[in-house]
Protein backbone atom coordinates (compact mmCIF):
# COMPACT_ATOMS: atom_id res chain seq x y z
CA MET A 1 94.83 134.53 51.37
CA PRO A 2 92.29 133.98 54.15
CA GLU A 3 89.36 131.67 53.43
CA SER A 4 86.82 134.38 54.17
CA VAL A 5 87.65 137.74 52.63
CA ARG A 6 84.79 139.65 54.22
CA SER A 7 81.18 139.37 55.17
CA ILE A 8 78.39 140.78 53.03
CA GLY A 9 74.93 140.69 54.55
CA GLY A 10 76.07 138.05 57.00
CA ALA A 11 77.37 135.71 54.28
CA ALA A 12 81.09 135.11 54.00
CA LEU A 13 82.67 136.06 50.69
CA ASP A 14 85.52 133.65 50.06
CA PHE A 15 88.27 133.58 47.46
CA GLU A 16 86.25 131.37 45.11
CA ASP A 17 83.43 133.92 45.14
CA VAL A 18 85.83 136.75 44.30
CA LEU A 19 87.37 134.67 41.53
CA LYS A 20 83.94 133.91 40.03
CA TRP A 21 82.94 137.58 40.28
CA VAL A 22 86.07 138.77 38.45
CA HIS A 23 85.54 136.05 35.83
CA LEU A 24 81.95 137.13 35.25
CA LEU A 25 82.99 140.78 35.10
CA GLY A 26 85.52 140.00 32.35
CA ALA A 27 82.93 137.97 30.42
CA ALA A 28 80.30 140.69 30.82
CA VAL A 29 82.66 143.42 29.60
CA TRP A 30 83.61 141.29 26.57
CA THR A 31 80.05 140.41 25.57
CA GLY A 32 78.45 143.67 26.69
CA GLY A 33 81.12 145.56 24.79
CA LEU A 34 80.27 143.65 21.61
CA ILE A 35 76.60 144.57 21.97
CA THR A 36 77.44 148.20 22.75
CA LEU A 37 79.88 148.47 19.86
CA ALA A 38 77.34 147.04 17.42
CA ALA A 39 74.79 149.68 18.42
CA LEU A 40 77.42 152.43 18.53
CA VAL A 41 78.75 151.72 15.02
CA VAL A 42 75.25 151.95 13.57
CA ALA A 43 74.61 155.24 15.38
CA LEU A 44 77.97 156.68 14.32
CA ARG A 45 77.41 155.68 10.70
CA ASN A 46 73.92 157.23 10.73
CA ALA A 47 75.42 160.43 12.17
CA GLY A 48 77.89 160.61 9.29
CA ALA A 49 81.02 159.42 11.08
CA ASP A 50 83.92 158.85 8.73
CA ARG A 51 86.06 155.72 8.64
CA PRO A 52 88.91 157.16 10.80
CA MET A 53 86.41 157.90 13.58
CA LEU A 54 85.01 154.38 13.40
CA GLN A 55 88.53 152.96 13.39
CA ALA A 56 89.43 154.98 16.49
CA ALA A 57 86.35 153.64 18.30
CA ALA A 58 87.22 150.10 17.21
CA ARG A 59 90.82 150.42 18.41
CA GLN A 60 89.72 151.64 21.83
CA PHE A 61 87.16 148.86 22.03
CA GLY A 62 89.87 146.36 21.06
CA ARG A 63 92.07 147.41 23.96
CA LEU A 64 89.24 147.00 26.45
CA SER A 65 87.77 143.82 24.97
CA TRP A 66 91.07 141.93 24.68
CA THR A 67 91.87 142.85 28.28
CA ALA A 68 88.44 141.60 29.37
CA LEU A 69 88.86 138.36 27.43
CA VAL A 70 92.29 137.72 28.95
CA ILE A 71 90.83 138.32 32.43
CA ALA A 72 87.91 135.98 31.73
CA VAL A 73 90.14 133.23 30.32
CA GLY A 74 92.74 133.64 33.07
CA THR A 75 90.22 133.51 35.87
CA GLY A 76 88.45 130.63 34.15
CA ILE A 77 91.65 128.60 34.13
CA TRP A 78 92.33 129.64 37.71
CA GLN A 79 88.84 128.47 38.71
CA MET A 80 89.56 125.09 37.19
CA GLU A 81 92.54 124.80 39.51
CA VAL A 82 91.05 126.35 42.65
CA ILE A 83 87.51 125.01 42.43
CA GLY A 84 88.42 121.78 40.71
CA TYR A 85 86.46 121.98 37.49
CA SER A 86 87.70 119.45 34.97
CA TYR A 87 88.33 120.06 31.30
CA ALA A 88 85.38 117.77 30.58
CA ASP A 89 83.18 120.11 32.64
CA VAL A 90 84.14 123.11 30.54
CA ALA A 91 84.89 121.56 27.13
CA VAL A 92 81.97 123.16 25.26
CA LYS A 93 82.49 126.53 26.90
CA LEU A 94 86.24 126.40 26.26
CA GLY A 95 85.66 125.50 22.61
CA LEU A 96 83.32 128.46 22.21
CA VAL A 97 85.80 130.81 23.92
CA VAL A 98 88.57 129.69 21.58
CA THR A 99 86.23 130.12 18.59
CA ALA A 100 85.24 133.65 19.68
CA GLY A 101 88.85 134.61 20.29
CA VAL A 102 90.05 133.27 16.93
CA LEU A 103 87.20 135.00 15.08
CA ALA A 104 87.93 138.26 16.90
CA LEU A 105 91.60 138.02 15.98
CA ILE A 106 90.79 137.26 12.33
CA HIS A 107 88.38 140.20 12.30
CA GLN A 108 90.97 142.53 13.81
CA LEU A 109 93.66 141.46 11.36
CA THR A 110 91.45 141.67 8.23
CA ALA A 111 89.13 144.60 9.04
CA ARG A 112 91.11 147.11 6.98
CA ASN A 113 90.73 145.05 3.82
CA THR A 114 87.12 143.90 4.10
CA SER A 115 83.82 145.58 3.36
CA ALA A 116 81.53 146.92 6.06
CA ALA A 117 79.10 144.08 5.31
CA VAL A 118 81.76 141.41 5.85
CA ARG A 119 83.00 143.12 9.03
CA GLY A 120 79.43 143.31 10.32
CA ALA A 121 78.80 139.64 9.56
CA ILE A 122 81.97 138.58 11.38
CA GLN A 123 81.05 140.78 14.35
CA ALA A 124 77.57 139.23 14.44
CA VAL A 125 79.04 135.71 14.51
CA ILE A 126 81.44 136.71 17.30
CA LEU A 127 78.51 138.13 19.28
CA VAL A 128 76.41 134.98 18.81
CA VAL A 129 79.31 132.75 19.87
CA SER A 130 79.93 134.97 22.90
CA ILE A 131 76.29 134.71 23.95
CA LEU A 132 76.48 130.93 23.50
CA ILE A 133 79.40 130.94 25.96
CA PHE A 134 77.04 132.30 28.62
CA GLY A 135 74.49 129.64 27.67
CA ALA A 136 77.09 126.90 27.99
CA ALA A 137 78.12 128.25 31.38
CA VAL A 138 74.55 128.29 32.67
CA ALA A 139 73.89 124.81 31.27
CA THR A 140 77.07 123.45 32.87
CA PHE A 141 77.20 125.26 36.19
CA GLY A 142 73.59 126.33 36.75
């Protein structure tokens, strides 16, 4: 791949820039989706949506969010190789990503057998951890 992909406003956009952009897009879809889903579930419940409708929305969100997380993690690992970030540089962020992913998986696997309050609490923790990932990234990489 050529060093400079194209020029935007006179500035060269190189492969590292594209990689960072795709990484941020995946992270934004993951976290933004959590925020959107939280608001959407409340609105659907208030409108009288039944459980099957909420489950359908959750399944569709799951497809999108897991894809976004895989993209974010994959491009994050790729950035470590291409840009040269060390594991020490990303240890806190990586720990938070693993925590968010594990919590999301637990939530997905147990949602059918837990109350709405428990599901909401787990979703809130996942959202907070996901926001902390952005904070760790800003603190580490500016």
